[in-house]
C-alpha cells in the first residue's frame, strides 16, 4: 500500500534533516580538528632578574648608543614610535622619564629585526547538500589555498640597572607586518602586550 503524499514528504523531510545535521556535525568536527592544528600567534616572552629591587627604580632613560644618538644619527620614524610607546607604557606603570642631563635609575634600549617567513593561509571548509528528495546527500570539502610569504617584525626591549650595570628585564615580541608600512597602532599594541609583564613601580606587574 502506497503512503499518502504527505507521509512521503514528511519522510523525505526527515531524511534531509538528518543528512543536514550529519553534514553540519561533520563540518564542525573538521573545523575543530583543523583549528587544533593551526599554530597560535607567538606570545611575548620575557625574563626578570629575581634579585632586582623594582621598589628602588623611579626613573628611566634611553641608551644613547642603542638609539643612535651617540653617532649623531637621527631617530627613524619607526624608532620614534617605538620609543614613544615604551615611554607611555612605563609612565603608566608609575615610572618617570629622567630629565635631560640627569642619571636615570633604569636605562632602556630596544632593537628591531625584520624577516620573511612562510605562513599557511586559511583553510576553507565547503559544505555540499544533496538535491531535494535525494536518498542521500551531503559532503564536506576541505581545501587549502596554499602558503604565502609574510614579513615578521621582532621587537626586543632591555632594561638595565644603571648603578649595577646589570640587565634586570628583557623581553621580545613578534608580529606579522604584511608588506606595507608599520602603523603606529601596531607598534603600540605590540609594546603594550610585551610590557604587560614589566613590573610596575613598586615591583608588581
Protein backbone atom coordinates (compact mmCIF):
# COMPACT_ATOMS: atom_id res chain seq x y z
CA UNK A 1 0.00 0.00 0.00
CA UNK A 2 1.42 3.34 -1.07
CA UNK A 3 1.97 6.00 1.55
CA UNK A 4 -0.03 9.22 1.29
CA UNK A 5 1.90 12.13 -0.30
CA UNK A 6 2.03 13.95 3.00
CA UNK A 7 3.59 10.95 4.70
CA UNK A 8 6.10 10.63 1.85
CA UNK A 9 7.04 14.30 2.09
CA UNK A 10 7.45 14.02 5.86
CA UNK A 11 9.73 11.04 5.34
CA UNK A 12 11.84 12.93 2.79
CA UNK A 13 12.00 15.98 5.05
CA UNK A 14 13.16 13.89 7.99
CA UNK A 15 15.79 12.19 5.82
CA UNK A 16 17.06 15.55 4.55
CA UNK A 17 17.09 16.95 8.07
CA UNK A 18 19.14 14.03 9.34
CA UNK A 19 21.53 14.41 6.42
CA UNK A 20 21.87 18.13 7.08
CA UNK A 21 22.60 17.53 10.76
CA UNK A 22 25.19 14.89 9.89
CA UNK A 23 26.91 17.18 7.38
CA UNK A 24 26.93 20.13 9.76
CA UNK A 25 28.30 17.94 12.52
CA UNK A 26 31.00 16.66 10.18
CA UNK A 27 31.88 20.22 9.16
CA UNK A 28 32.10 21.36 12.76
CA UNK A 29 34.27 18.36 13.56
CA UNK A 30 36.57 19.17 10.67
CA UNK A 31 36.75 22.81 11.73
CA UNK A 32 37.63 21.77 15.27
CA UNK A 33 40.31 19.39 14.07
CA UNK A 34 41.81 21.98 11.74
CA UNK A 35 41.61 24.66 14.40
CA UNK A 36 43.55 22.43 16.74
CA UNK A 37 46.32 22.11 14.16
CA UNK A 38 46.71 25.85 13.49
CA UNK A 39 49.57 27.32 15.47
CA UNK A 40 48.59 30.35 17.56
CA UNK A 41 50.41 33.63 17.18
CA UNK A 42 53.68 33.64 19.12
CA UNK A 43 53.29 35.11 22.58
CA UNK A 44 55.70 37.67 24.05
CA UNK A 45 58.49 36.21 26.16
CA UNK A 46 60.37 37.96 28.94
CA UNK A 47 62.85 37.39 31.77
CA UNK A 48 63.22 39.30 35.03
CA UNK A 49 66.16 39.39 37.42
CA UNK A 50 64.68 37.99 40.67
CA UNK A 51 67.23 39.97 42.68
CA UNK A 52 66.29 43.31 41.12
CA UNK A 53 64.57 45.73 43.51
CA UNK A 54 61.92 47.45 41.42
CA UNK A 55 60.85 49.41 44.51
CA UNK A 56 64.08 51.39 44.13
CA UNK A 57 63.58 52.32 40.46
CA UNK A 58 61.80 55.60 39.86
CA UNK A 59 63.14 56.98 36.59
CA UNK A 60 64.13 55.64 33.19
CA UNK A 61 66.21 56.95 30.33
CA UNK A 62 67.45 55.81 26.95
CA UNK A 63 70.61 54.05 25.91
CA UNK A 64 72.22 56.62 23.63
CA UNK A 65 74.38 54.06 21.85
CA UNK A 66 71.43 51.77 21.11
CA UNK A 67 69.19 54.60 19.88
CA UNK A 68 71.79 56.03 17.52
CA UNK A 69 72.13 59.32 19.36
CA UNK A 70 75.78 58.68 20.18
CA UNK A 71 76.70 58.66 16.49
CA UNK A 72 74.63 61.72 15.74
CA UNK A 73 72.17 59.77 13.58
CA UNK A 74 68.55 60.90 13.90
CA UNK A 75 65.87 58.51 15.14
CA UNK A 76 63.84 56.90 12.39
CA UNK A 77 60.07 57.30 12.39
CA UNK A 78 59.68 53.67 13.46
CA UNK A 79 62.16 54.07 16.32
CA UNK A 80 60.42 57.26 17.42
CA UNK A 81 57.07 55.45 17.50
CA UNK A 82 58.56 52.55 19.47
CA UNK A 83 60.25 54.90 21.90
CA UNK A 84 57.05 56.88 22.46
CA UNK A 85 55.04 53.68 23.03
CA UNK A 86 57.57 52.34 25.56
CA UNK A 87 57.70 55.68 27.39
CA UNK A 88 53.90 55.91 27.61
CA UNK A 89 53.66 52.36 28.94
CA UNK A 90 56.38 52.86 31.57
CA UNK A 91 54.79 56.11 32.71
CA UNK A 92 51.51 54.24 33.08
CA UNK A 93 53.33 51.84 35.38
CA UNK A 94 54.46 54.66 37.65
CA UNK A 95 57.92 55.47 36.28
CA UNK A 96 59.11 58.93 35.25
CA UNK A 97 61.31 59.77 32.31
CA UNK A 98 64.56 61.25 33.59
CA UNK A 99 65.15 64.88 32.71
CA UNK A 100 67.91 65.69 30.25
CA UNK A 101 71.32 65.72 31.91
CA UNK A 102 70.26 63.54 34.85
CA UNK A 103 71.15 59.91 35.50
CA UNK A 104 68.15 57.53 35.31
CA UNK A 105 67.64 54.51 37.54
CA UNK A 106 66.87 52.32 34.53
CA UNK A 107 68.46 52.55 31.11
CA UNK A 108 66.11 51.28 28.40
CA UNK A 109 67.23 50.08 24.99
CA UNK A 110 65.42 48.32 22.17
CA UNK A 111 66.18 46.71 18.86
CA UNK A 112 64.14 45.58 15.87
CA UNK A 113 64.55 42.92 13.21
CA UNK A 114 62.56 42.02 10.13
CA UNK A 115 62.49 38.63 8.44
CA UNK A 116 60.44 36.94 5.74
CA UNK A 117 58.71 33.70 6.62
CA UNK A 118 56.30 31.26 5.03
CA UNK A 119 52.85 31.11 6.59
CA UNK A 120 49.95 28.79 5.92
CA UNK A 121 46.94 30.58 4.50
CA UNK A 122 43.45 29.96 5.95
CA UNK A 123 41.82 26.60 5.30
CA UNK A 124 38.42 26.65 3.63
CA UNK A 125 35.64 24.20 4.54
CA UNK A 126 32.92 23.65 1.94
CA UNK A 127 29.61 22.01 2.80
CA UNK A 128 27.61 20.48 -0.04
CA UNK A 129 23.98 19.27 0.18
CA UNK A 130 22.19 16.69 -1.94
CA UNK A 131 19.29 17.56 -4.22
CA UNK A 132 15.76 17.78 -2.84
CA UNK A 133 14.23 14.37 -2.40
CA UNK A 134 17.50 12.52 -2.91
CA UNK A 135 18.10 9.38 -0.95
CA UNK A 136 21.42 10.74 0.25
CA UNK A 137 23.36 13.91 0.02
CA UNK A 138 25.84 15.98 1.83
CA UNK A 139 29.54 16.33 1.64
CA UNK A 140 32.32 18.27 3.28
CA UNK A 141 35.28 19.51 1.32
CA UNK A 142 38.42 20.83 2.96
CA UNK A 143 40.95 22.71 0.89
CA UNK A 144 43.90 24.98 1.44
CA UNK A 145 44.75 27.95 -0.72
CA UNK A 146 48.44 27.23 -0.21
CA UNK A 147 51.10 29.24 1.54
CA UNK A 148 52.25 32.83 1.39
CA UNK A 149 55.30 34.81 2.33
CA UNK A 150 54.85 37.41 5.06
CA UNK A 151 57.15 39.85 6.79
CA UNK A 152 57.60 39.29 10.50
CA UNK A 153 58.96 42.02 12.74
CA UNK A 154 60.53 41.37 16.14
CA UNK A 155 60.99 43.92 18.89
CA UNK A 156 63.45 43.31 21.75
CA UNK A 157 63.50 45.53 24.84
CA UNK A 158 66.14 45.61 27.59
CA UNK A 159 66.13 47.42 30.95
CA UNK A 160 69.48 47.98 32.68
CA UNK A 161 70.07 48.89 36.31
CA UNK A 162 72.45 51.82 35.79
CA UNK A 163 74.02 51.65 39.26
CA UNK A 164 74.76 47.92 38.99
CA UNK A 165 75.32 47.94 35.23
CA UNK A 166 73.22 44.78 35.05
CA UNK A 167 70.24 43.78 32.97
CA UNK A 168 67.13 43.43 35.16
CA UNK A 169 64.46 42.78 32.49
CA UNK A 170 64.35 41.74 28.86
CA UNK A 171 61.58 40.65 26.54
CA UNK A 172 60.70 40.22 22.89
CA UNK A 173 57.56 40.10 20.77
CA UNK A 174 56.95 39.29 17.09
CA UNK A 175 54.20 40.44 14.75
CA UNK A 176 53.23 39.92 11.11
CA UNK A 177 53.88 43.17 9.28
CA UNK A 178 52.35 42.44 5.90
CA UNK A 179 54.03 44.27 3.03
CA UNK A 180 53.23 47.87 3.90
CA UNK A 181 54.43 50.40 6.44
CA UNK A 182 54.43 49.60 10.14
CA UNK A 183 51.49 51.58 11.50
CA UNK A 184 51.78 53.32 14.91
CA UNK A 185 48.75 51.36 16.17
CA UNK A 186 50.57 48.07 15.51
CA UNK A 187 53.62 49.36 17.40
CA UNK A 188 51.51 50.50 20.35
CA UNK A 189 49.66 47.19 20.59
CA UNK A 190 52.87 45.14 20.36
CA UNK A 191 54.64 47.26 23.00
CA UNK A 192 51.64 47.15 25.34
CA UNK A 193 51.46 43.36 25.09
CA UNK A 194 55.20 42.98 25.60
CA UNK A 195 55.45 45.33 28.58
CA UNK A 196 52.42 43.86 30.29
CA UNK A 197 54.92 41.63 32.13
CA UNK A 198 57.19 44.55 33.04
CA UNK A 199 56.99 45.20 36.80
CA UNK A 200 55.25 48.43 37.77
CA UNK A 201 56.98 50.89 40.06
CA UNK A 202 56.87 49.06 43.40
CA UNK A 203 57.69 45.67 41.94
CA UNK A 204 54.33 44.25 40.84
CA UNK A 205 53.33 43.72 37.16
